[in-house]
Amino acid sequence: MSKIFKSIKTGLEEAIEFSKGKEIGARVFTPQQVNIQELRKRLGMTQEKFANTFGISLGTLRHWERGDRKPQGPALVLLNLVSKEPETVLNLLYN
């Protein structure tokens, strides 16, 4: 067996054990919820500008701000990045 195959096999076995709830030392990243309205205001953006800047539909943004829904997955990761490093994210988006 090649080194690469052994590494993939080990990773798959660990993933299976983790999915069964066994402690295997896997790191799990759980992004924190972000107060989107507070973040948007801190950036000095209107709802329209914020939604357009970060590729979010205006309706979705409004639902998030009202608390009807919560961002999940990649959107939540993006919002965490914007919350922690807004200048960096904006610089990457515009340059």
N, C-alpha and C. Protein backbone atom coordinates (compact mmCIF):
# COMPACT_ATOMS: atom_id res chain seq x y z
N MET A 1 0.84 -1.18 0.00
CA MET A 1 0.00 0.00 0.00
C MET A 1 0.88 1.25 0.00
N SER A 2 0.48 2.23 -0.78
CA SER A 2 1.25 3.47 -0.82
C SER A 2 0.95 4.31 0.42
N LYS A 3 1.81 5.29 0.67
CA LYS A 3 1.63 6.20 1.80
C LYS A 3 0.31 6.96 1.68
N ILE A 4 0.02 7.40 0.47
CA ILE A 4 -1.20 8.18 0.25
C ILE A 4 -2.43 7.33 0.54
N PHE A 5 -2.44 6.09 0.06
CA PHE A 5 -3.57 5.20 0.32
C PHE A 5 -3.75 4.98 1.81
N LYS A 6 -2.65 4.74 2.53
CA LYS A 6 -2.73 4.51 3.98
C LYS A 6 -3.31 5.73 4.69
N SER A 7 -2.89 6.91 4.24
CA SER A 7 -3.38 8.14 4.86
C SER A 7 -4.88 8.31 4.63
N ILE A 8 -5.31 8.06 3.40
CA ILE A 8 -6.74 8.18 3.07
C ILE A 8 -7.54 7.13 3.85
N LYS A 9 -7.02 5.92 3.90
CA LYS A 9 -7.71 4.84 4.61
C LYS A 9 -7.86 5.19 6.09
N THR A 10 -6.79 5.68 6.69
CA THR A 10 -6.84 6.07 8.11
C THR A 10 -7.86 7.18 8.33
N GLY A 11 -7.86 8.16 7.43
CA GLY A 11 -8.82 9.26 7.54
C GLY A 11 -10.25 8.78 7.44
N LEU A 12 -10.52 7.88 6.53
CA LEU A 12 -11.87 7.35 6.37
C LEU A 12 -12.30 6.53 7.59
N GLU A 13 -11.38 5.73 8.12
CA GLU A 13 -11.70 4.96 9.32
C GLU A 13 -12.00 5.88 10.50
N GLU A 14 -11.21 6.95 10.63
CA GLU A 14 -11.45 7.91 11.71
C GLU A 14 -12.80 8.61 11.51
N ALA A 15 -13.13 8.95 10.28
CA ALA A 15 -14.41 9.61 10.00
C ALA A 15 -15.57 8.70 10.36
N ILE A 16 -15.44 7.42 10.07
CA ILE A 16 -16.50 6.46 10.40
C ILE A 16 -16.66 6.37 11.92
N GLU A 17 -15.56 6.26 12.63
CA GLU A 17 -15.61 6.20 14.09
C GLU A 17 -16.21 7.47 14.67
N PHE A 18 -15.83 8.62 14.13
CA PHE A 18 -16.35 9.90 14.60
C PHE A 18 -17.85 9.99 14.37
N SER A 19 -18.31 9.51 13.20
CA SER A 19 -19.74 9.56 12.89
C SER A 19 -20.55 8.66 13.83
N LYS A 20 -19.90 7.68 14.42
CA LYS A 20 -20.56 6.80 15.39
C LYS A 20 -20.53 7.38 16.79
N GLY A 21 -19.93 8.57 16.93
CA GLY A 21 -19.90 9.24 18.23
C GLY A 21 -18.70 8.89 19.08
N LYS A 22 -17.73 8.22 18.51
CA LYS A 22 -16.55 7.84 19.29
C LYS A 22 -15.55 8.99 19.31
N GLU A 23 -14.95 9.19 20.47
CA GLU A 23 -13.93 10.23 20.64
C GLU A 23 -12.64 9.74 19.96
N ILE A 24 -12.20 10.45 18.95
CA ILE A 24 -10.98 10.03 18.26
C ILE A 24 -9.98 11.17 18.15
N GLY A 25 -10.27 12.28 18.80
CA GLY A 25 -9.37 13.42 18.74
C GLY A 25 -9.60 14.31 17.54
N ALA A 26 -10.71 14.13 16.86
CA ALA A 26 -11.00 14.97 15.70
C ALA A 26 -11.35 16.38 16.17
N ARG A 27 -10.92 17.36 15.41
CA ARG A 27 -11.26 18.74 15.71
C ARG A 27 -12.52 19.10 14.94
N VAL A 28 -13.45 19.70 15.64
CA VAL A 28 -14.70 20.12 15.02
C VAL A 28 -14.79 21.63 15.15
N PHE A 29 -14.94 22.31 14.02
CA PHE A 29 -15.08 23.76 14.01
C PHE A 29 -16.55 24.10 13.95
N THR A 30 -17.01 24.81 14.96
CA THR A 30 -18.40 25.25 14.99
C THR A 30 -18.40 26.77 15.03
N PRO A 31 -18.71 27.42 13.90
CA PRO A 31 -18.71 28.88 13.89
C PRO A 31 -19.77 29.44 14.82
N GLN A 32 -19.44 30.56 15.45
CA GLN A 32 -20.38 31.22 16.35
C GLN A 32 -21.42 31.98 15.55
N GLN A 33 -22.60 32.12 16.14
CA GLN A 33 -23.61 32.96 15.51
C GLN A 33 -23.14 34.41 15.58
N VAL A 34 -23.54 35.19 14.60
CA VAL A 34 -23.13 36.58 14.48
C VAL A 34 -24.38 37.44 14.50
N ASN A 35 -24.32 38.55 15.23
CA ASN A 35 -25.41 39.52 15.20
C ASN A 35 -25.23 40.31 13.90
N ILE A 36 -25.96 39.94 12.88
CA ILE A 36 -25.76 40.49 11.55
C ILE A 36 -26.11 41.97 11.50
N GLN A 37 -27.19 42.37 12.14
CA GLN A 37 -27.57 43.77 12.11
C GLN A 37 -26.50 44.64 12.77
N GLU A 38 -25.97 44.16 13.89
CA GLU A 38 -24.89 44.89 14.57
C GLU A 38 -23.64 44.97 13.68
N LEU A 39 -23.30 43.87 13.03
CA LEU A 39 -22.14 43.84 12.14
C LEU A 39 -22.35 44.79 10.97
N ARG A 40 -23.50 44.75 10.37
CA ARG A 40 -23.79 45.62 9.23
C ARG A 40 -23.68 47.09 9.61
N LYS A 41 -24.24 47.43 10.76
CA LYS A 41 -24.17 48.82 11.22
C LYS A 41 -22.75 49.23 11.57
N ARG A 42 -21.98 48.31 12.14
CA ARG A 42 -20.58 48.59 12.47
C ARG A 42 -19.79 48.90 11.20
N LEU A 43 -20.16 48.24 10.10
CA LEU A 43 -19.49 48.48 8.82
C LEU A 43 -20.05 49.71 8.11
N GLY A 44 -21.12 50.28 8.65
CA GLY A 44 -21.72 51.47 8.06
C GLY A 44 -22.40 51.20 6.73
N MET A 45 -23.01 50.04 6.60
CA MET A 45 -23.65 49.65 5.34
C MET A 45 -25.16 49.57 5.50
N THR A 46 -25.85 49.92 4.42
CA THR A 46 -27.29 49.68 4.36
C THR A 46 -27.50 48.18 4.16
N GLN A 47 -28.74 47.75 4.32
CA GLN A 47 -29.03 46.34 4.05
C GLN A 47 -28.69 45.99 2.60
N GLU A 48 -29.04 46.87 1.69
CA GLU A 48 -28.80 46.61 0.27
C GLU A 48 -27.30 46.49 -0.01
N LYS A 49 -26.51 47.41 0.53
CA LYS A 49 -25.06 47.39 0.30
C LYS A 49 -24.43 46.14 0.90
N PHE A 50 -24.82 45.79 2.12
CA PHE A 50 -24.28 44.61 2.79
C PHE A 50 -24.61 43.36 2.00
N ALA A 51 -25.87 43.23 1.60
CA ALA A 51 -26.30 42.05 0.84
C ALA A 51 -25.54 41.94 -0.48
N ASN A 52 -25.43 43.03 -1.20
CA ASN A 52 -24.71 43.01 -2.48
C ASN A 52 -23.23 42.73 -2.30
N THR A 53 -22.63 43.31 -1.28
CA THR A 53 -21.20 43.13 -1.05
C THR A 53 -20.84 41.68 -0.79
N PHE A 54 -21.67 41.00 0.00
CA PHE A 54 -21.31 39.64 0.42
C PHE A 54 -22.11 38.55 -0.27
N GLY A 55 -22.85 38.91 -1.32
CA GLY A 55 -23.55 37.91 -2.13
C GLY A 55 -24.70 37.24 -1.42
N ILE A 56 -25.40 38.02 -0.60
CA ILE A 56 -26.54 37.50 0.14
C ILE A 56 -27.80 38.15 -0.44
N SER A 57 -28.86 37.39 -0.57
CA SER A 57 -30.08 38.02 -1.06
C SER A 57 -30.62 38.96 0.03
N LEU A 58 -31.22 40.04 -0.41
CA LEU A 58 -31.75 41.03 0.53
C LEU A 58 -32.81 40.41 1.44
N GLY A 59 -33.64 39.56 0.88
CA GLY A 59 -34.66 38.89 1.69
C GLY A 59 -34.05 38.02 2.78
N THR A 60 -33.01 37.29 2.44
CA THR A 60 -32.33 36.44 3.42
C THR A 60 -31.73 37.29 4.52
N LEU A 61 -31.07 38.37 4.14
CA LEU A 61 -30.48 39.26 5.13
C LEU A 61 -31.54 39.79 6.09
N ARG A 62 -32.67 40.18 5.55
CA ARG A 62 -33.75 40.70 6.40
C ARG A 62 -34.28 39.63 7.36
N HIS A 63 -34.40 38.40 6.88
CA HIS A 63 -34.82 37.30 7.76
C HIS A 63 -33.81 37.10 8.88
N TRP A 64 -32.53 37.15 8.55
CA TRP A 64 -31.49 36.99 9.57
C TRP A 64 -31.58 38.10 10.61
N GLU A 65 -31.74 39.32 10.14
CA GLU A 65 -31.78 40.45 11.06
C GLU A 65 -33.02 40.40 11.96
N ARG A 66 -34.13 39.94 11.45
CA ARG A 66 -35.34 39.83 12.26
C ARG A 66 -35.29 38.64 13.21
N GLY A 67 -34.41 37.69 12.91
CA GLY A 67 -34.31 36.50 13.74
C GLY A 67 -35.21 35.37 13.30
N ASP A 68 -35.85 35.54 12.12
CA ASP A 68 -36.70 34.47 11.58
C ASP A 68 -35.87 33.24 11.20
N ARG A 69 -34.67 33.51 10.74
CA ARG A 69 -33.74 32.45 10.32
C ARG A 69 -32.36 32.79 10.84
N LYS A 70 -31.49 31.79 10.81
CA LYS A 70 -30.09 31.99 11.21
C LYS A 70 -29.20 31.52 10.07
N PRO A 71 -28.12 32.25 9.82
CA PRO A 71 -27.20 31.79 8.79
C PRO A 71 -26.55 30.47 9.20
N GLN A 72 -26.28 29.64 8.20
CA GLN A 72 -25.64 28.35 8.44
C GLN A 72 -24.57 28.11 7.40
N GLY A 73 -23.77 27.12 7.63
CA GLY A 73 -22.78 26.67 6.66
C GLY A 73 -21.84 27.76 6.21
N PRO A 74 -21.57 27.81 4.90
CA PRO A 74 -20.60 28.78 4.37
C PRO A 74 -20.97 30.23 4.67
N ALA A 75 -22.26 30.54 4.71
CA ALA A 75 -22.66 31.92 5.02
C ALA A 75 -22.24 32.29 6.43
N LEU A 76 -22.40 31.39 7.36
CA LEU A 76 -22.01 31.65 8.75
C LEU A 76 -20.49 31.79 8.87
N VAL A 77 -19.76 30.99 8.13
CA VAL A 77 -18.30 31.10 8.13
C VAL A 77 -17.89 32.46 7.58
N LEU A 78 -18.49 32.87 6.45
CA LEU A 78 -18.18 34.17 5.87
C LEU A 78 -18.49 35.29 6.87
N LEU A 79 -19.64 35.24 7.51
CA LEU A 79 -20.01 36.30 8.46
C LEU A 79 -19.05 36.34 9.65
N ASN A 80 -18.56 35.19 10.08
CA ASN A 80 -17.56 35.17 11.15
C ASN A 80 -16.27 35.84 10.69
N LEU A 81 -15.86 35.56 9.45
CA LEU A 81 -14.66 36.21 8.92
C LEU A 81 -14.83 37.71 8.83
N VAL A 82 -15.97 38.14 8.32
CA VAL A 82 -16.25 39.57 8.20
C VAL A 82 -16.27 40.22 9.58
N SER A 83 -16.85 39.54 10.54
CA SER A 83 -16.94 40.08 11.89
C SER A 83 -15.56 40.27 12.51
N LYS A 84 -14.66 39.32 12.26
CA LYS A 84 -13.33 39.35 12.88
C LYS A 84 -12.33 40.19 12.10
N GLU A 85 -12.42 40.17 10.78
CA GLU A 85 -11.44 40.86 9.93
C GLU A 85 -12.13 41.57 8.77
N PRO A 86 -12.99 42.55 9.05
CA PRO A 86 -13.76 43.15 7.95
C PRO A 86 -12.89 43.82 6.89
N GLU A 87 -11.82 44.50 7.31
CA GLU A 87 -10.97 45.18 6.33
C GLU A 87 -10.31 44.19 5.38
N THR A 88 -9.85 43.08 5.95
CA THR A 88 -9.19 42.05 5.13
C THR A 88 -10.16 41.47 4.11
N VAL A 89 -11.35 41.12 4.57
CA VAL A 89 -12.34 40.51 3.66
C VAL A 89 -12.73 41.50 2.57
N LEU A 90 -13.00 42.74 2.96
CA LEU A 90 -13.38 43.75 1.96
C LEU A 90 -12.26 44.00 0.98
N ASN A 91 -11.03 44.03 1.47
CA ASN A 91 -9.87 44.22 0.59
C ASN A 91 -9.76 43.07 -0.41
N LEU A 92 -9.97 41.86 0.05
CA LEU A 92 -9.91 40.70 -0.85
C LEU A 92 -11.03 40.73 -1.88
N LEU A 93 -12.20 41.20 -1.48
CA LEU A 93 -13.33 41.25 -2.40
C LEU A 93 -13.17 42.33 -3.46
N TYR A 94 -12.60 43.45 -3.10
CA TYR A 94 -12.54 44.60 -4.02
C TYR A 94 -11.22 44.74 -4.76
N ASN A 95 -10.21 43.99 -4.38
CA ASN A 95 -8.91 44.14 -5.08
C ASN A 95 -8.48 42.87 -5.76
